PDB file of N, CA and C in Angstrom:
ATOM      1  N   MET A   1      -1.708  -4.169 -12.378  1.00  0.00           N
ATOM      2  CA  MET A   1      -0.380  -3.891 -12.509  1.00  0.00           C
ATOM      3  C   MET A   1      -0.069  -3.309 -11.266  1.00  0.00           C
ATOM      4  N   ALA A   2      -0.782  -2.468 -10.544  1.00  0.00           N
ATOM      5  CA  ALA A   2      -0.414  -1.752  -9.322  1.00  0.00           C
ATOM      6  C   ALA A   2      -0.090  -2.639  -8.270  1.00  0.00           C
ATOM      7  N   SER A   3      -0.811  -3.864  -8.025  1.00  0.00           N
ATOM      8  CA  SER A   3      -0.319  -4.694  -6.913  1.00  0.00           C
ATOM      9  C   SER A   3       1.094  -5.467  -7.274  1.00  0.00           C
ATOM     10  N   ARG A   4       1.320  -5.798  -8.445  1.00  0.00           N
ATOM     11  CA  ARG A   4       2.519  -6.525  -8.815  1.00  0.00           C
ATOM     12  C   ARG A   4       3.716  -5.470  -8.564  1.00  0.00           C
ATOM     13  N   LEU A   5       3.562  -4.132  -9.155  1.00  0.00           N
ATOM     14  CA  LEU A   5       4.553  -3.109  -9.016  1.00  0.00           C
ATOM     15  C   LEU A   5       4.781  -3.046  -7.483  1.00  0.00           C
ATOM     16  N   GLY A   6       3.647  -3.085  -6.660  1.00  0.00           N
ATOM     17  CA  GLY A   6       4.012  -2.598  -5.350  1.00  0.00           C
ATOM     18  C   GLY A   6       4.548  -3.731  -4.421  1.00  0.00           C
ATOM     19  N   SER A   7       4.517  -4.888  -4.902  1.00  0.00           N
ATOM     20  CA  SER A   7       5.180  -6.025  -4.335  1.00  0.00           C
ATOM     21  C   SER A   7       6.606  -6.036  -4.912  1.00  0.00           C
ATOM     22  N   HIS A   8       6.931  -5.765  -6.098  1.00  0.00           N
ATOM     23  CA  HIS A   8       8.204  -5.532  -6.551  1.00  0.00           C
ATOM     24  C   HIS A   8       8.998  -4.553  -5.967  1.00  0.00           C
ATOM     25  N   LEU A   9       8.378  -3.428  -5.768  1.00  0.00           N
ATOM     26  CA  LEU A   9       8.969  -2.111  -5.177  1.00  0.00           C
ATOM     27  C   LEU A   9       9.210  -2.247  -3.523  1.00  0.00           C
ATOM     28  N   SER A  10       8.375  -3.287  -3.020  1.00  0.00           N
ATOM     29  CA  SER A  10       8.531  -3.337  -1.430  1.00  0.00           C
ATOM     30  C   SER A  10       9.957  -3.868  -1.105  1.00  0.00           C
ATOM     31  N   VAL A  11      10.699  -4.452  -2.227  1.00  0.00           N
ATOM     32  CA  VAL A  11      12.026  -4.937  -1.850  1.00  0.00           C
ATOM     33  C   VAL A  11      13.035  -3.785  -1.565  1.00  0.00           C
ATOM     34  N   TYR A  12      12.599  -2.504  -2.153  1.00  0.00           N
ATOM     35  CA  TYR A  12      13.254  -1.391  -2.090  1.00  0.00           C
ATOM     36  C   TYR A  12      12.744  -0.330  -1.099  1.00  0.00           C
ATOM     37  N   GLN A  13      11.886  -0.934  -0.276  1.00  0.00           N
ATOM     38  CA  GLN A  13      11.198   0.131   0.660  1.00  0.00           C
ATOM     39  C   GLN A  13      12.349   0.554   1.618  1.00  0.00           C
ATOM     40  N   HIS A  14      13.284  -0.065   1.892  1.00  0.00           N
ATOM     41  CA  HIS A  14      14.296   0.342   2.996  1.00  0.00           C
ATOM     42  C   HIS A  14      15.081   1.550   2.395  1.00  0.00           C
ATOM     43  N   ILE A  15      15.130   1.903   1.009  1.00  0.00           N
ATOM     44  CA  ILE A  15      15.966   2.905   0.326  1.00  0.00           C
ATOM     45  C   ILE A  15      15.130   4.257   0.584  1.00  0.00           C
ATOM     46  N   PHE A  16      13.940   4.216   0.495  1.00  0.00           N
ATOM     47  CA  PHE A  16      13.026   5.382   0.498  1.00  0.00           C
ATOM     48  C   PHE A  16      12.529   5.821   1.950  1.00  0.00           C
ATOM     49  N   LYS A  17      13.636   6.069   2.700  1.00  0.00           N
ATOM     50  CA  LYS A  17      13.234   6.617   4.110  1.00  0.00           C
ATOM     51  C   LYS A  17      14.458   7.157   4.595  1.00  0.00           C
ATOM     52  N   ASN A  18      14.262   7.934   5.674  1.00  0.00           N
ATOM     53  CA  ASN A  18      15.212   8.584   6.419  1.00  0.00           C
ATOM     54  C   ASN A  18      15.073   8.201   7.889  1.00  0.00           C
ATOM     55  N   ARG A  19      15.655   8.951   8.752  1.00  0.00           N
ATOM     56  CA  ARG A  19      15.387   8.550  10.196  1.00  0.00           C
ATOM     57  C   ARG A  19      14.123   8.717  10.687  1.00  0.00           C
ATOM     58  N   THR A  20      13.377   9.674  10.155  1.00  0.00           N
ATOM     59  CA  THR A  20      11.870  10.083  10.704  1.00  0.00           C
ATOM     60  C   THR A  20      10.716   9.957   9.742  1.00  0.00           C
ATOM     61  N   ARG A  21      11.021   9.438   8.510  1.00  0.00           N
ATOM     62  CA  ARG A  21      10.014   9.546   7.384  1.00  0.00           C
ATOM     63  C   ARG A  21      10.268   8.403   6.446  1.00  0.00           C
ATOM     64  N   THR A  22       9.092   8.012   5.881  1.00  0.00           N
ATOM     65  CA  THR A  22       9.108   6.945   4.785  1.00  0.00           C
ATOM     66  C   THR A  22       8.642   7.603   3.524  1.00  0.00           C
ATOM     67  N   PHE A  23       9.206   7.422   2.414  1.00  0.00           N
ATOM     68  CA  PHE A  23       8.819   7.929   1.185  1.00  0.00           C
ATOM     69  C   PHE A  23       8.468   6.983   0.241  1.00  0.00           C
ATOM     70  N   HIS A  24       8.224   5.590   0.606  1.00  0.00           N
ATOM     71  CA  HIS A  24       7.881   4.606  -0.205  1.00  0.00           C
ATOM     72  C   HIS A  24       6.659   4.627  -0.984  1.00  0.00           C
ATOM     73  N   ASP A  25       5.577   5.419  -0.541  1.00  0.00           N
ATOM     74  CA  ASP A  25       4.438   5.622  -1.125  1.00  0.00           C
ATOM     75  C   ASP A  25       4.530   6.585  -2.420  1.00  0.00           C
ATOM     76  N   LYS A  26       5.388   7.533  -2.237  1.00  0.00           N
ATOM     77  CA  LYS A  26       5.696   8.653  -3.202  1.00  0.00           C
ATOM     78  C   LYS A  26       6.339   7.836  -4.391  1.00  0.00           C
ATOM     79  N   ALA A  27       7.342   7.000  -3.810  1.00  0.00           N
ATOM     80  CA  ALA A  27       8.167   6.339  -5.094  1.00  0.00           C
ATOM     81  C   ALA A  27       7.376   5.374  -5.785  1.00  0.00           C
ATOM     82  N   GLU A  28       6.339   4.693  -5.183  1.00  0.00           N
ATOM     83  CA  GLU A  28       5.522   3.780  -5.940  1.00  0.00           C
ATOM     84  C   GLU A  28       4.644   4.547  -6.886  1.00  0.00           C
ATOM     85  N   THR A  29       4.144   5.680  -6.407  1.00  0.00           N
ATOM     86  CA  THR A  29       3.358   6.467  -7.303  1.00  0.00           C
ATOM     87  C   THR A  29       3.968   6.997  -8.525  1.00  0.00           C
ATOM     88  N   TYR A  30       5.206   7.577  -8.093  1.00  0.00           N
ATOM     89  CA  TYR A  30       6.051   8.026  -9.265  1.00  0.00           C
ATOM     90  C   TYR A  30       6.446   7.033 -10.344  1.00  0.00           C
ATOM     91  N   VAL A  31       6.744   5.760  -9.902  1.00  0.00           N
ATOM     92  CA  VAL A  31       7.232   4.707 -10.796  1.00  0.00           C
ATOM     93  C   VAL A  31       5.997   4.237 -11.553  1.00  0.00           C
ATOM     94  N   HIS A  32       4.744   4.190 -10.948  1.00  0.00           N
ATOM     95  CA  HIS A  32       3.686   3.790 -11.501  1.00  0.00           C
ATOM     96  C   HIS A  32       3.261   4.618 -12.538  1.00  0.00           C
ATOM     97  N   GLY A  33       3.451   6.091 -12.336  1.00  0.00           N
ATOM     98  CA  GLY A  33       3.123   7.183 -13.359  1.00  0.00           C
ATOM     99  C   GLY A  33       4.026   7.148 -14.562  1.00  0.00           C
ATOM    100  N   LEU A  34       5.318   6.812 -14.163  1.00  0.00           N
ATOM    101  CA  LEU A  34       6.178   6.460 -15.264  1.00  0.00           C
ATOM    102  C   LEU A  34       5.968   5.597 -16.335  1.00  0.00           C
ATOM    103  N   LEU A  35       5.397   4.414 -15.606  1.00  0.00           N
ATOM    104  CA  LEU A  35       5.055   3.227 -16.317  1.00  0.00           C
ATOM    105  C   LEU A  35       3.740   3.431 -17.263  1.00  0.00           C
ATOM    106  N   MET A  36       2.979   4.209 -16.761  1.00  0.00           N
ATOM    107  CA  MET A  36       1.547   4.567 -17.365  1.00  0.00           C
ATOM    108  C   MET A  36       1.641   5.663 -18.372  1.00  0.00           C
ATOM    109  N   GLU A  37       2.321   6.582 -18.270  1.00  0.00           N
ATOM    110  CA  GLU A  37       2.179   7.752 -19.044  1.00  0.00           C
ATOM    111  C   GLU A  37       3.034   7.754 -20.107  1.00  0.00           C
ATOM    112  N   GLU A  38       2.454   8.165 -21.366  1.00  0.00           N
ATOM    113  CA  GLU A  38       3.268   8.356 -22.756  1.00  0.00           C
ATOM    114  C   GLU A  38       4.146   9.549 -22.521  1.00  0.00           C
ATOM    115  N   ILE A  39       3.677  10.615 -22.101  1.00  0.00           N
ATOM    116  CA  ILE A  39       4.588  11.871 -21.767  1.00  0.00           C
ATOM    117  C   ILE A  39       4.927  11.713 -20.427  1.00  0.00           C
ATOM    118  N   ARG A  40       6.173  11.751 -20.056  1.00  0.00           N
ATOM    119  CA  ARG A  40       6.542  11.335 -18.733  1.00  0.00           C
ATOM    120  C   ARG A  40       7.314  12.631 -18.055  1.00  0.00           C
ATOM    121  N   ASN A  41       6.269  13.425 -17.601  1.00  0.00           N
ATOM    122  CA  ASN A  41       6.772  14.563 -16.765  1.00  0.00           C
ATOM    123  C   ASN A  41       6.046  14.486 -15.602  1.00  0.00           C
ATOM    124  N   LEU A  42       6.536  15.216 -14.521  1.00  0.00           N
ATOM    125  CA  LEU A  42       6.028  15.379 -13.267  1.00  0.00           C
ATOM    126  C   LEU A  42       4.524  15.864 -13.079  1.00  0.00           C
ATOM    127  N   GLU A  43       4.480  16.959 -13.801  1.00  0.00           N
ATOM    128  CA  GLU A  43       2.860  17.458 -13.827  1.00  0.00           C
ATOM    129  C   GLU A  43       1.931  16.466 -14.498  1.00  0.00           C
ATOM    130  N   LYS A  44       2.237  15.775 -15.399  1.00  0.00           N
ATOM    131  CA  LYS A  44       1.222  14.838 -15.939  1.00  0.00           C
ATOM    132  C   LYS A  44       1.124  13.485 -15.218  1.00  0.00           C
ATOM    133  N   ILE A  45       2.147  13.137 -14.523  1.00  0.00           N
ATOM    134  CA  ILE A  45       2.148  12.055 -13.555  1.00  0.00           C
ATOM    135  C   ILE A  45       1.303  12.542 -12.295  1.00  0.00           C
ATOM    136  N   SER A  46       1.533  13.486 -11.689  1.00  0.00           N
ATOM    137  CA  SER A  46       0.724  13.999 -10.562  1.00  0.00           C
ATOM    138  C   SER A  46      -0.638  14.165 -11.020  1.00  0.00           C
ATOM    139  N   GLU A  47      -0.991  14.480 -12.191  1.00  0.00           N
ATOM    140  CA  GLU A  47      -2.453  14.694 -12.577  1.00  0.00           C
ATOM    141  C   GLU A  47      -2.978  13.426 -12.826  1.00  0.00           C
ATOM    142  N   THR A  48      -2.263  12.539 -13.396  1.00  0.00           N
ATOM    143  CA  THR A  48      -2.723  11.150 -13.649  1.00  0.00           C
ATOM    144  C   THR A  48      -3.043  10.332 -12.436  1.00  0.00           C
ATOM    145  N   MET A  49      -2.121  10.361 -11.581  1.00  0.00           N
ATOM    146  CA  MET A  49      -2.100   9.647 -10.313  1.00  0.00           C
ATOM    147  C   MET A  49      -2.711  10.244  -9.388  1.00  0.00           C
ATOM    148  N   ASP A  50      -3.452  11.321  -9.640  1.00  0.00           N
ATOM    149  CA  ASP A  50      -4.085  12.126  -8.578  1.00  0.00           C
ATOM    150  C   ASP A  50      -3.358  12.454  -7.213  1.00  0.00           C
ATOM    151  N   SER A  51      -2.073  12.746  -7.630  1.00  0.00           N
ATOM    152  CA  SER A  51      -1.220  13.158  -6.299  1.00  0.00           C
ATOM    153  C   SER A  51      -0.945  14.772  -6.281  1.00  0.00           C
ATOM    154  N   ASN A  52      -0.567  15.134  -5.184  1.00  0.00           N
ATOM    155  CA  ASN A  52      -0.138  16.626  -5.077  1.00  0.00           C
ATOM    156  C   ASN A  52       1.213  16.769  -5.788  1.00  0.00           C
ATOM    157  N   TYR A  53       1.226  17.678  -6.848  1.00  0.00           N
ATOM    158  CA  TYR A  53       2.342  17.987  -7.570  1.00  0.00           C
ATOM    159  C   TYR A  53       3.626  18.496  -6.811  1.00  0.00           C
ATOM    160  N   PHE A  54       3.312  19.315  -5.757  1.00  0.00           N
ATOM    161  CA  PHE A  54       4.353  19.971  -5.108  1.00  0.00           C
ATOM    162  C   PHE A  54       4.920  19.072  -3.960  1.00  0.00           C
ATOM    163  N   GLN A  55       4.297  17.750  -3.543  1.00  0.00           N
ATOM    164  CA  GLN A  55       4.706  16.951  -2.598  1.00  0.00           C
ATOM    165  C   GLN A  55       5.713  16.025  -3.761  1.00  0.00           C
ATOM    166  N   MET A  56       5.251  15.590  -4.755  1.00  0.00           N
ATOM    167  CA  MET A  56       5.974  14.760  -5.739  1.00  0.00           C
ATOM    168  C   MET A  56       7.373  15.556  -6.093  1.00  0.00           C
ATOM    169  N   GLN A  57       7.346  16.788  -6.523  1.00  0.00           N
ATOM    170  CA  GLN A  57       8.382  17.644  -6.648  1.00  0.00           C
ATOM    171  C   GLN A  57       9.273  17.507  -5.468  1.00  0.00           C
ATOM    172  N   HIS A  58       8.909  17.874  -4.384  1.00  0.00           N
ATOM    173  CA  HIS A  58       9.765  17.816  -3.215  1.00  0.00           C
ATOM    174  C   HIS A  58      10.367  16.279  -3.276  1.00  0.00           C
ATOM    175  N   PHE A  59       9.623  15.258  -3.401  1.00  0.00           N
ATOM    176  CA  PHE A  59      10.195  13.890  -3.179  1.00  0.00           C
ATOM    177  C   PHE A  59      11.294  13.743  -4.175  1.00  0.00           C
ATOM    178  N   ILE A  60      11.070  14.192  -5.503  1.00  0.00           N
ATOM    179  CA  ILE A  60      12.232  14.090  -6.447  1.00  0.00           C
ATOM    180  C   ILE A  60      13.421  14.924  -6.130  1.00  0.00           C
ATOM    181  N   THR A  61      13.216  16.058  -5.731  1.00  0.00           N
ATOM    182  CA  THR A  61      14.304  16.997  -5.755  1.00  0.00           C
ATOM    183  C   THR A  61      15.028  17.215  -4.267  1.00  0.00           C
ATOM    184  N   GLU A  62      14.174  17.076  -3.223  1.00  0.00           N
ATOM    185  CA  GLU A  62      14.677  17.478  -2.029  1.00  0.00           C
ATOM    186  C   GLU A  62      14.730  16.341  -0.911  1.00  0.00           C
ATOM    187  N   SER A  63      14.021  15.123  -1.071  1.00  0.00           N
ATOM    188  CA  SER A  63      13.991  14.247  -0.083  1.00  0.00           C
ATOM    189  C   SER A  63      15.317  13.604   0.063  1.00  0.00           C
ATOM    190  N   ASN A  64      15.652  13.475   1.401  1.00  0.00           N
ATOM    191  CA  ASN A  64      17.038  12.999   1.796  1.00  0.00           C
ATOM    192  C   ASN A  64      16.840  11.403   2.244  1.00  0.00           C
ATOM    193  N   TRP A  65      16.509  10.653   1.268  1.00  0.00           N
ATOM    194  CA  TRP A  65      16.488   9.198   1.697  1.00  0.00           C
ATOM    195  C   TRP A  65      17.811   8.750   1.746  1.00  0.00           C
ATOM    196  N   SER A  66      17.967   7.572   2.429  1.00  0.00           N
ATOM    197  CA  SER A  66      19.442   6.835   2.302  1.00  0.00           C
ATOM    198  C   SER A  66      19.749   6.349   1.017  1.00  0.00           C
ATOM    199  N   VAL A  67      21.082   6.575   0.655  1.00  0.00           N
ATOM    200  CA  VAL A  67      21.534   5.935  -0.525  1.00  0.00           C
ATOM    201  C   VAL A  67      22.108   4.561  -0.397  1.00  0.00           C
ATOM    202  N   TRP A  68      22.099   4.037   0.719  1.00  0.00           N
ATOM    203  CA  TRP A  68      22.357   2.692   1.080  1.00  0.00           C
ATOM    204  C   TRP A  68      21.284   2.049   1.547  1.00  0.00           C
TER     205      TRP A  68
END
């Protein structure tokens, strides 16, 4: 599932970046966690996907990726 998801999300890669950074990896991890977990909260997703909770929290609340 992860490779199919990654290929589907690659179409949206241009959205998850700003002038200096790309956030596509965090977007892919977050979406994958949403699809996997029965309880969909950031703490559980971070735990299951073995990712840093604070980085994921920053991605969701503070990242300034392009809206176009």
